[in-house]
Amino acid sequence: MDINLEIFLKQYLSPDDKIILACSTWPDSMFLLYKLLETSYRNDIVVCYFNHKTRPETDREEQFLVDLGEKEWFQVEVAECDFEKIQKLYPSKSFEELAREKRYQFFEAVANIYDSQYILTAHHLDDKIETFFFNLVRGSKLTGLINMTESSGNILRPLLHLEKKDIIKYLDENNLKYFIDSSNSNTDITRNKLRLHILPQFGEINTNYKGNLSNIFSYFEDIKKHIDHEVSEFLWDKKYFVISEFNTLSPLLQKEVIRYIYYISNNHSTIGLSEWNIAEIIRFINGKNNKTTKEIRGLKMKKENTRIEY
């Protein structure tokens, strides 16, 4: 299988750095764990298992990891959560949103405890494709469509070029144990509906659609890097910009500046920001009032004569 995890890790880690691995015991994360055990970092692995307590098999999965950790000499950290209680506190959020938030809070806490700079996740190409279409239908912009990259903040994803079928094939051929999430067949969950009913139809049109999409993602990432560079050159990490300078930008870059400001103000998401919202903000920027404020979908902007503060 085309993966050299040792080379990947050495791009980011020093020899004695702790590796925080988010592990569900399902095929992708178990594959990554088994591969980590083949590297020179095997003695520095900390496996994190978040027990959602929503399926009867979660305790068995947790115990399997604890036992494997004792056998292979890696540390296992476990957390669990009462989601029924938490969902009453946040009724507007779905279980999937809350579960993800709590998982990553746990991973971040473990990383802080072990003074580790990075958290490894086992997202693969199928995950990236699902996320692309999931965010596309929710109205995400370019940043949201390609936010699953090999390195993003303190998250490392070394398996993004691998397909799930190849991961499972490797595990089965080598008699390596893993678990299957019983909730994956529940098509009331949007991602499962995408995975089970919609995406397979692309394969009927072109059997190489995943490889083609992977190439498109790389192309989008190059475009985004160029746009991000232009936006950062314009903003220079300031909390304001000059209106006359904003108006010298191309219409595309003006939109991207607004999207970026919204992104950093909205928990790193562009979901919910429509083209109409962007046009309204640009009208506000160029309006006649020199001292006024504007708030759209949580983005607050203040006009002070010749400049916009945010």
Protein backbone atom coordinates (compact mmCIF):
# COMPACT_ATOMS: atom_id res chain seq x y z
CA MET A 1 0.00 0.00 0.00
CA ASP A 2 1.30 3.45 -0.96
CA ILE A 3 2.04 5.02 2.43
CA ASN A 4 5.28 5.96 4.12
CA LEU A 5 4.16 7.15 7.51
CA GLU A 6 7.70 7.58 8.81
CA ILE A 7 8.52 10.19 6.16
CA PHE A 8 5.19 11.96 6.72
CA LEU A 9 5.70 12.21 10.48
CA LYS A 10 9.27 13.48 10.21
CA GLN A 11 7.96 16.52 8.32
CA TYR A 12 6.19 17.65 11.48
CA LEU A 13 7.58 15.83 14.53
CA SER A 14 10.84 15.64 16.42
CA PRO A 15 12.10 12.15 17.42
CA ASP A 16 10.71 12.26 20.99
CA ASP A 17 7.42 14.04 20.32
CA LYS A 18 4.26 12.38 21.60
CA ILE A 19 1.77 11.33 18.93
CA ILE A 20 -1.86 11.91 19.91
CA LEU A 21 -4.00 9.54 17.82
CA ALA A 22 -7.78 9.92 17.63
CA CYS A 23 -8.95 6.31 17.46
CA SER A 24 -12.49 4.96 17.04
CA THR A 25 -11.39 1.29 16.57
CA TRP A 26 -13.01 1.36 13.11
CA PRO A 27 -10.98 0.35 10.03
CA ASP A 28 -9.39 3.72 9.20
CA SER A 29 -8.11 4.59 12.68
CA MET A 30 -7.03 1.01 13.42
CA PHE A 31 -5.09 0.94 10.15
CA LEU A 32 -3.34 4.16 11.18
CA LEU A 33 -2.59 2.75 14.63
CA TYR A 34 -1.13 -0.48 13.22
CA LYS A 35 1.00 1.54 10.80
CA LEU A 36 2.20 3.83 13.60
CA LEU A 37 3.37 0.77 15.50
CA GLU A 38 5.69 0.02 12.57
CA THR A 39 7.46 3.40 12.86
CA SER A 40 10.23 4.69 15.11
CA TYR A 41 7.53 6.66 16.98
CA ARG A 42 5.84 3.51 18.31
CA ASN A 43 6.96 4.23 21.90
CA ASP A 44 5.47 7.73 21.85
CA ILE A 45 1.89 6.90 20.85
CA VAL A 46 -1.04 8.12 22.96
CA VAL A 47 -4.35 6.67 21.71
CA CYS A 48 -7.50 8.65 22.49
CA TYR A 49 -10.84 6.86 22.56
CA PHE A 50 -14.02 8.88 23.09
CA ASN A 51 -16.79 6.58 24.30
CA HIS A 52 -20.08 8.09 23.10
CA LYS A 53 -22.07 5.44 25.02
CA THR A 54 -24.63 5.43 22.20
CA ARG A 55 -24.04 1.88 20.92
CA PRO A 56 -23.91 -1.40 22.87
CA GLU A 57 -20.45 -2.25 21.51
CA THR A 58 -18.62 0.93 22.64
CA ASP A 59 -17.46 -0.57 25.94
CA ARG A 60 -16.09 -3.59 24.07
CA GLU A 61 -14.22 -1.27 21.68
CA GLU A 62 -12.78 0.67 24.62
CA GLN A 63 -11.59 -2.51 26.34
CA PHE A 64 -10.03 -3.79 23.13
CA LEU A 65 -7.89 -0.65 22.88
CA VAL A 66 -6.90 -0.81 26.54
CA ASP A 67 -5.83 -4.45 26.13
CA LEU A 68 -3.96 -3.71 22.89
CA GLY A 69 -2.21 -0.79 24.59
CA GLU A 70 -0.96 -3.11 27.35
CA LYS A 71 0.24 -5.61 24.76
CA GLU A 72 1.95 -3.10 22.43
CA TRP A 73 3.11 -0.65 25.12
CA PHE A 74 1.21 2.47 24.09
CA GLN A 75 -0.80 4.81 26.31
CA VAL A 76 -4.61 4.85 26.06
CA GLU A 77 -6.71 7.81 27.22
CA VAL A 78 -10.51 7.44 27.42
CA ALA A 79 -13.36 9.93 27.89
CA GLU A 80 -17.12 9.64 27.78
CA CYS A 81 -20.07 12.01 27.76
CA ASP A 82 -23.75 12.14 28.72
CA PHE A 83 -25.13 13.40 25.43
CA GLU A 84 -28.76 13.29 26.54
CA LYS A 85 -27.97 15.88 29.21
CA ILE A 86 -25.79 18.00 26.91
CA GLN A 87 -28.36 18.07 24.10
CA LYS A 88 -30.88 19.56 26.51
CA LEU A 89 -28.43 22.42 27.06
CA TYR A 90 -27.87 22.91 23.32
CA PRO A 91 -31.17 21.98 21.62
CA SER A 92 -30.28 23.77 18.38
CA LYS A 93 -27.25 21.55 17.77
CA SER A 94 -27.44 18.07 16.27
CA PHE A 95 -25.95 15.05 17.99
CA GLU A 96 -23.25 14.90 15.28
CA GLU A 97 -22.21 18.51 15.94
CA LEU A 98 -22.09 18.07 19.71
CA ALA A 99 -20.27 14.75 19.46
CA ARG A 100 -17.60 16.26 17.22
CA GLU A 101 -17.15 19.26 19.54
CA LYS A 102 -16.75 17.07 22.62
CA ARG A 103 -14.39 14.65 20.87
CA TYR A 104 -12.05 17.40 19.75
CA GLN A 105 -12.15 19.10 23.14
CA PHE A 106 -10.98 15.78 24.58
CA PHE A 107 -8.23 15.39 21.96
CA GLU A 108 -7.02 18.95 22.61
CA ALA A 109 -6.96 18.34 26.37
CA VAL A 110 -4.89 15.17 25.96
CA ALA A 111 -2.50 16.97 23.60
CA ASN A 112 -2.01 19.68 26.24
CA ILE A 113 -1.39 17.12 28.98
CA TYR A 114 1.32 15.40 26.93
CA ASP A 115 2.67 18.69 25.56
CA SER A 116 2.07 17.47 22.02
CA GLN A 117 1.84 19.82 19.09
CA TYR A 118 -0.23 17.60 16.78
CA ILE A 119 -3.26 15.34 16.78
CA LEU A 120 -3.44 12.59 14.14
CA THR A 121 -6.77 11.60 12.62
CA ALA A 122 -7.42 8.77 10.17
CA HIS A 123 -9.54 10.65 7.64
CA HIS A 124 -9.14 9.13 4.18
CA LEU A 125 -10.12 10.07 0.63
CA ASP A 126 -13.70 8.80 1.03
CA ASP A 127 -14.10 11.05 4.09
CA LYS A 128 -12.77 14.01 2.14
CA ILE A 129 -15.23 13.40 -0.70
CA GLU A 130 -18.15 13.02 1.71
CA THR A 131 -17.19 16.24 3.50
CA PHE A 132 -16.92 18.09 0.20
CA PHE A 133 -20.45 17.17 -0.88
CA PHE A 134 -21.84 17.54 2.65
CA ASN A 135 -20.54 21.12 2.88
CA LEU A 136 -21.44 21.87 -0.74
CA VAL A 137 -25.15 21.24 -0.22
CA ARG A 138 -25.01 23.27 3.02
CA GLY A 139 -23.76 26.31 1.14
CA SER A 140 -20.12 26.35 2.20
CA LYS A 141 -17.61 28.40 0.21
CA LEU A 142 -14.19 27.29 -1.05
CA THR A 143 -12.62 27.24 2.42
CA GLY A 144 -15.28 24.88 3.73
CA LEU A 145 -15.18 22.66 0.66
CA ILE A 146 -11.49 21.83 0.99
CA ASN A 147 -10.94 22.22 4.74
CA MET A 148 -9.84 18.58 5.08
CA THR A 149 -6.15 18.87 4.23
CA GLU A 150 -3.11 16.86 5.36
CA SER A 151 -2.11 19.61 7.77
CA SER A 152 -4.67 22.00 9.25
CA GLY A 153 -3.75 23.82 12.45
CA ASN A 154 -2.70 21.10 14.89
CA ILE A 155 -4.50 18.32 13.00
CA LEU A 156 -2.51 15.92 10.78
CA ARG A 157 -4.27 13.59 8.32
CA PRO A 158 -1.72 11.25 6.70
CA LEU A 159 -4.27 8.96 4.98
CA LEU A 160 -6.09 11.44 2.73
CA HIS A 161 -4.76 9.84 -0.45
CA LEU A 162 -6.04 6.35 0.48
CA GLU A 163 -9.47 4.90 -0.31
CA LYS A 164 -11.41 3.08 2.37
CA LYS A 165 -11.69 -0.11 0.32
CA ASP A 166 -7.88 -0.36 0.16
CA ILE A 167 -7.60 0.19 3.91
CA ILE A 168 -10.08 -2.61 4.65
CA LYS A 169 -8.40 -4.88 2.12
CA TYR A 170 -5.03 -4.39 3.85
CA LEU A 171 -6.51 -5.10 7.31
CA ASP A 172 -8.31 -8.23 6.14
CA GLU A 173 -5.33 -9.62 4.24
CA ASN A 174 -3.15 -9.16 7.32
CA ASN A 175 -5.74 -10.47 9.81
CA LEU A 176 -5.71 -7.19 11.76
CA LYS A 177 -8.68 -6.64 14.07
CA TYR A 178 -11.04 -3.67 13.74
CA PHE A 179 -14.65 -2.85 14.56
CA ILE A 180 -17.54 -1.64 12.40
CA ASP A 181 -19.83 1.19 13.51
CA SER A 182 -23.36 -0.24 13.57
CA SER A 183 -24.82 3.26 13.11
CA ASN A 184 -23.24 3.56 9.65
CA SER A 185 -26.32 1.92 8.13
CA ASN A 186 -28.67 4.57 9.55
CA THR A 187 -29.63 6.69 6.53
CA ASP A 188 -31.40 9.23 8.73
CA ILE A 189 -27.87 10.55 9.19
CA THR A 190 -27.03 12.79 6.22
CA ARG A 191 -23.45 11.58 5.81
CA ASN A 192 -24.64 7.96 5.71
CA LYS A 193 -27.20 8.84 3.05
CA LEU A 194 -24.43 10.42 0.99
CA ARG A 195 -22.13 7.43 1.49
CA LEU A 196 -24.67 4.68 0.87
CA HIS A 197 -27.04 6.10 -1.75
CA ILE A 198 -25.64 9.13 -3.54
CA LEU A 199 -21.88 8.74 -3.96
CA PRO A 200 -22.06 5.16 -5.35
CA GLN A 201 -23.97 6.59 -8.32
CA PHE A 202 -20.89 8.60 -9.30
CA GLY A 203 -19.04 5.29 -9.52
CA GLU A 204 -21.64 4.07 -12.02
CA ILE A 205 -20.79 7.05 -14.25
CA ASN A 206 -17.01 6.85 -13.83
CA THR A 207 -15.25 4.16 -11.80
CA ASN A 208 -12.28 6.53 -11.27
CA TYR A 209 -14.37 9.39 -9.93
CA LYS A 210 -12.57 9.36 -6.56
CA GLY A 211 -9.17 9.80 -8.21
CA ASN A 212 -10.56 12.57 -10.40
CA LEU A 213 -12.04 14.35 -7.41
CA SER A 214 -8.73 14.03 -5.57
CA ASN A 215 -7.03 15.85 -8.44
CA ILE A 216 -9.71 18.54 -8.37
CA PHE A 217 -9.23 18.98 -4.61
CA SER A 218 -5.50 19.55 -5.19
CA TYR A 219 -6.35 22.14 -7.83
CA PHE A 220 -8.79 23.88 -5.47
CA GLU A 221 -6.17 23.88 -2.71
CA ASP A 222 -3.68 25.64 -5.02
CA ILE A 223 -6.32 28.25 -5.89
CA LYS A 224 -7.12 28.75 -2.20
CA LYS A 225 -3.44 29.17 -1.28
CA HIS A 226 -3.12 31.90 -3.90
CA ILE A 227 -6.29 33.67 -2.77
CA ASP A 228 -5.34 33.35 0.92
CA HIS A 229 -1.97 34.92 0.17
CA GLU A 230 -3.64 37.87 -1.57
CA VAL A 231 -6.13 38.32 1.28
CA SER A 232 -3.44 38.16 3.98
CA GLU A 233 -1.34 40.67 2.04
CA PHE A 234 -4.32 43.02 2.08
CA LEU A 235 -5.33 42.60 5.74
CA TRP A 236 -1.85 42.17 7.28
CA ASP A 237 -3.40 40.75 10.50
CA LYS A 238 -5.05 44.09 11.21
CA LYS A 239 -8.53 44.39 12.69
CA TYR A 240 -9.48 46.98 10.10
CA PHE A 241 -8.99 47.90 6.46
CA VAL A 242 -9.08 51.14 4.49
CA ILE A 243 -12.13 51.51 2.24
CA SER A 244 -10.28 53.13 -0.67
CA GLU A 245 -7.75 50.27 -0.67
CA PHE A 246 -10.55 47.70 -0.51
CA ASN A 247 -12.11 49.25 -3.62
CA THR A 248 -8.91 48.73 -5.62
CA LEU A 249 -9.29 44.96 -5.24
CA SER A 250 -10.95 42.82 -7.90
CA PRO A 251 -14.58 41.83 -7.21
CA LEU A 252 -13.40 38.28 -6.46
CA LEU A 253 -10.84 39.41 -3.87
CA GLN A 254 -13.36 41.77 -2.27
CA LYS A 255 -15.68 38.79 -1.74
CA GLU A 256 -12.82 36.68 -0.42
CA VAL A 257 -11.82 39.38 2.09
CA ILE A 258 -15.40 39.39 3.41
CA ARG A 259 -15.47 35.60 3.49
CA TYR A 260 -12.18 35.47 5.39
CA ILE A 261 -13.34 38.00 7.99
CA TYR A 262 -16.57 36.01 8.40
CA TYR A 263 -14.55 32.78 8.65
CA ILE A 264 -12.35 34.01 11.53
CA SER A 265 -15.37 35.56 13.26
CA ASN A 266 -17.61 32.48 12.94
CA ASN A 267 -15.66 29.60 14.48
CA HIS A 268 -13.75 28.93 11.24
CA SER A 269 -16.78 28.30 9.07
CA THR A 270 -18.28 30.02 6.03
CA ILE A 271 -21.52 28.02 6.14
CA GLY A 272 -24.49 30.38 6.15
CA LEU A 273 -22.77 33.30 4.41
CA SER A 274 -24.68 33.81 1.17
CA GLU A 275 -23.73 35.82 -1.91
CA TRP A 276 -26.55 38.21 -0.97
CA ASN A 277 -24.97 38.69 2.49
CA ILE A 278 -21.62 39.52 0.88
CA ALA A 279 -23.22 42.00 -1.52
CA GLU A 280 -25.01 43.65 1.42
CA ILE A 281 -21.73 44.01 3.33
CA ILE A 282 -20.02 45.57 0.31
CA ARG A 283 -22.93 48.05 -0.01
CA PHE A 284 -22.46 48.89 3.66
CA ILE A 285 -18.73 49.46 3.12
CA ASN A 286 -19.41 51.94 0.33
CA GLY A 287 -22.48 53.56 1.93
CA LYS A 288 -22.76 57.30 2.58
CA ASN A 289 -22.76 57.12 6.40
CA ASN A 290 -19.26 57.57 7.79
CA LYS A 291 -20.00 56.40 11.34
CA THR A 292 -22.26 53.35 11.49
CA THR A 293 -22.26 49.65 12.30
CA LYS A 294 -23.47 46.52 10.55
CA GLU A 295 -24.12 42.98 11.78
CA ILE A 296 -24.88 40.09 9.43
CA ARG A 297 -25.12 36.51 10.69
CA GLY A 298 -22.90 37.25 13.68
CA LEU A 299 -20.31 39.27 11.74
CA LYS A 300 -20.01 42.75 13.27
CA MET A 301 -18.42 45.57 11.28
CA LYS A 302 -17.99 49.22 12.20
CA LYS A 303 -17.45 52.07 9.77
CA GLU A 304 -15.17 54.82 11.03
CA ASN A 305 -14.87 57.43 8.28
CA THR A 306 -12.33 55.98 5.81
CA ARG A 307 -11.93 52.54 7.32
CA ILE A 308 -13.86 49.41 8.36
CA GLU A 309 -13.19 47.78 11.72
CA TYR A 310 -14.20 44.18 12.44
